[in-house]
Protein backbone atom coordinates (compact mmCIF):
# COMPACT_ATOMS: atom_id res chain seq x y z
CA GLN A 1 -34.70 50.46 -28.02
CA ALA A 2 -32.81 53.55 -29.72
CA VAL A 3 -29.76 51.17 -31.60
CA GLN A 4 -29.29 53.07 -34.52
CA VAL A 5 -25.61 51.86 -35.04
CA VAL A 6 -23.73 49.37 -33.71
CA PHE A 7 -19.71 48.81 -33.05
CA PHE A 8 -18.07 46.04 -33.10
CA GLY A 9 -14.42 44.73 -32.87
CA VAL A 10 -12.85 42.17 -34.60
CA ASP A 11 -10.00 40.30 -33.02
CA GLY A 12 -11.69 38.61 -30.15
CA VAL A 13 -15.30 39.61 -30.96
CA LEU A 14 -16.09 38.67 -34.89
CA THR A 15 -12.98 36.22 -34.48
CA ASP A 16 -11.86 34.10 -31.47
CA GLY A 17 -8.72 36.13 -31.16
CA GLY A 18 -6.02 33.18 -32.82
CA LEU A 19 -3.90 35.27 -35.46
CA HIS A 20 -3.30 32.24 -38.24
CA PHE A 21 -0.65 33.36 -40.17
CA SER A 22 -0.04 31.33 -44.27
CA GLU A 23 3.71 30.11 -45.19
CA GLU A 24 3.91 33.16 -46.90
CA GLY A 25 3.24 35.25 -43.94
CA GLU A 26 -0.38 36.48 -44.99
CA THR A 27 -2.54 36.59 -41.69
CA LEU A 28 -5.77 34.32 -41.97
CA LYS A 29 -9.28 34.58 -39.67
CA ARG A 30 -12.17 32.63 -39.46
CA PHE A 31 -15.25 34.60 -39.41
CA ASN A 32 -18.63 33.11 -38.05
CA VAL A 33 -22.09 33.01 -40.25
CA LEU A 34 -24.36 33.75 -37.64
CA ASP A 35 -22.14 36.75 -37.33
CA GLY A 36 -22.76 38.13 -40.92
CA GLN A 37 -26.19 36.55 -40.92
CA GLY A 38 -27.28 39.08 -37.66
CA PHE A 39 -25.25 42.42 -39.61
CA LYS A 40 -27.58 41.71 -42.25
CA LEU A 41 -30.98 41.59 -40.42
CA LEU A 42 -29.53 44.70 -38.14
CA GLN A 43 -28.47 46.24 -41.47
CA ARG A 44 -32.44 45.43 -43.00
CA ALA A 45 -33.86 47.63 -39.55
CA GLY A 46 -31.96 50.83 -40.63
CA ILE A 47 -29.18 50.18 -37.99
CA HIS A 48 -25.81 51.07 -38.79
CA ILE A 49 -23.10 48.36 -38.36
CA ALA A 50 -19.52 49.95 -37.86
CA VAL A 51 -15.88 48.09 -37.37
CA ILE A 52 -13.09 49.76 -35.83
CA THR A 53 -10.10 47.68 -35.12
CA GLY A 54 -6.56 47.88 -34.58
CA ARG A 55 -5.48 45.18 -37.41
CA ASP A 56 -6.02 45.74 -41.11
CA SER A 57 -6.32 42.67 -43.56
CA ALA A 58 -7.19 41.61 -46.53
CA PRO A 59 -9.71 38.92 -45.63
CA LEU A 60 -11.34 41.08 -43.50
CA ARG A 61 -11.64 43.80 -45.89
CA LYS A 62 -13.19 41.16 -48.00
CA ARG A 63 -15.27 39.94 -45.01
CA LEU A 64 -16.96 43.21 -44.54
CA ALA A 65 -17.53 44.08 -48.01
CA ALA A 66 -18.98 40.92 -48.64
CA LEU A 67 -21.65 41.95 -45.54
CA GLY A 68 -22.51 45.67 -46.89
CA VAL A 69 -20.74 47.14 -44.19
CA GLN A 70 -20.14 50.68 -45.10
CA HIS A 71 -17.74 52.17 -41.54
CA ALA A 72 -14.98 50.20 -40.91
CA VAL A 73 -11.92 52.01 -39.52
CA TYR A 74 -8.73 49.83 -39.79
CA GLY A 75 -5.35 50.16 -38.13
CA THR A 76 -6.28 52.46 -34.96
CA GLU A 77 -5.61 51.48 -31.22
CA ASP A 78 -7.67 54.88 -30.62
CA LYS A 79 -10.68 53.68 -30.94
CA ARG A 80 -12.76 56.97 -29.30
CA PRO A 81 -11.62 59.40 -32.05
CA ALA A 82 -13.07 56.61 -34.67
CA ALA A 83 -16.14 55.98 -33.26
CA GLU A 84 -16.91 59.53 -32.54
CA SER A 85 -16.26 60.69 -36.74
CA ILE A 86 -18.71 57.46 -37.70
CA LEU A 87 -21.06 59.26 -35.02
CA LYS A 88 -20.27 62.79 -35.96
CA THR A 89 -21.27 61.29 -40.42
CA LEU A 90 -24.52 59.97 -39.05
CA GLY A 91 -25.65 62.77 -36.87
CA LEU A 92 -26.11 60.30 -34.06
CA GLY A 93 -24.58 60.30 -30.20
CA TRP A 94 -23.56 57.28 -27.59
CA SER A 95 -27.03 57.47 -26.19
CA GLN A 96 -28.08 55.75 -29.48
CA ALA A 97 -24.85 53.34 -29.98
CA ALA A 98 -24.44 50.05 -29.39
CA ALA A 99 -20.50 48.48 -28.71
CA MET A 100 -19.17 44.40 -28.36
CA GLY A 101 -15.12 44.63 -27.78
CA ASP A 102 -13.19 42.15 -25.47
CA ASP A 103 -10.51 44.03 -24.98
CA TRP A 104 -8.55 47.26 -23.30
CA PRO A 105 -8.61 49.22 -26.41
CA ASP A 106 -12.86 49.00 -26.38
CA LEU A 107 -13.18 50.43 -23.10
CA PRO A 108 -13.98 54.28 -24.86
CA LEU A 109 -16.73 52.71 -26.51
CA LEU A 110 -18.09 50.33 -23.68
CA SER A 111 -17.83 52.86 -20.96
CA ARG A 112 -19.61 55.77 -23.08
CA CYS A 113 -22.53 53.66 -25.49
CA ALA A 114 -25.88 52.89 -24.12
CA LEU A 115 -25.91 49.36 -24.27
CA ALA A 116 -21.94 48.01 -23.94
CA CYS A 117 -21.54 44.02 -24.64
CA ALA A 118 -18.59 41.66 -24.45
CA PRO A 119 -18.40 38.52 -25.36
CA ALA A 120 -18.18 35.74 -23.16
CA ASN A 121 -14.43 35.33 -23.63
CA ALA A 122 -13.65 39.00 -23.05
CA HIS A 123 -10.94 40.70 -20.42
CA ALA A 124 -11.77 40.67 -17.42
CA GLU A 125 -12.45 44.78 -17.74
CA ASN A 126 -14.57 44.33 -20.09
CA LEU A 127 -16.66 42.12 -18.69
CA ALA A 128 -17.07 44.37 -15.35
CA LEU A 129 -17.86 47.35 -17.47
CA ALA A 130 -20.74 45.27 -20.08
CA HIS A 131 -24.03 45.85 -19.47
CA HIS A 132 -24.28 42.14 -20.88
CA VAL A 133 -22.17 39.11 -21.67
CA THR A 134 -23.17 36.78 -24.62
CA GLN A 135 -23.43 33.12 -23.60
CA ARG A 136 -21.15 32.79 -26.90
CA ALA A 137 -17.01 33.27 -27.04
CA GLY A 138 -15.88 35.97 -29.64
CA GLY A 139 -15.80 34.25 -32.90
CA HIS A 140 -18.78 31.73 -31.82
CA GLY A 141 -21.63 33.91 -32.34
CA ALA A 142 -21.13 36.64 -29.41
CA ALA A 143 -22.59 39.61 -32.45
CA ARG A 144 -24.91 37.71 -33.23
CA GLU A 145 -26.43 37.55 -29.51
CA LEU A 146 -25.92 41.29 -29.47
CA CYS A 147 -27.71 41.83 -32.90
CA ASP A 148 -30.84 39.54 -31.62
CA ILE A 149 -31.01 41.28 -28.77
CA ILE A 150 -30.90 44.50 -30.78
CA LEU A 151 -33.16 43.23 -33.06
CA THR A 152 -36.25 42.00 -30.34
CA ALA A 153 -35.64 45.38 -28.22
CA GLN A 154 -37.46 47.27 -31.49
CA GLY A 155 -39.65 44.42 -32.00
CA HIS A 156 -38.42 43.20 -35.65
CA TYR A 157 -36.77 39.51 -34.23
CA ALA A 158 -40.43 37.71 -34.33
CA ARG A 159 -41.47 39.53 -37.55
CA TYR A 160 -37.92 38.54 -39.35
CA LEU A 161 -38.45 34.96 -37.70
CA THR A 162 -41.82 34.57 -39.21
CA GLU A 163 -41.20 35.36 -42.72
CA ALA A 164 -37.89 33.32 -42.59
CA ALA A 165 -40.19 30.67 -41.54
CA GLN A 166 -42.81 31.29 -44.19
CA ARG A 167 -40.15 31.12 -47.27
């Protein structure tokens, strides 16, 4: 209930973890719209979205910009310092953070945050450390599951759902 920021990885969390390359060598990524809607709902509830990823690409930057994600760190495998910098900027602590990660670079975040989550297809160590493992795999709505859990715990989900159905 105290979560005010949610950290997400990209490959294996917001995508299925596969890397697709164009003939020109550009990395292509597939994102799930369910996850994007979850991001919008969290932001509506006043919860910050933060993305920390080991890769950097134009498609990723465009997707995060389209979703209004203001806190993103690209091209780093050392995610703890990046997360701590974001927490400091927001004036928050680990007890107010949730994180979703699928592989070893995410373990420092999962081991420190109040709510650790892993997609169904995450590495075994992440699954073991997670407070919650999603039913869906990364890139297939796993991030949305975490968003819905937080929205429900904070009392927003039912109200937002009723408002959406009445439009």
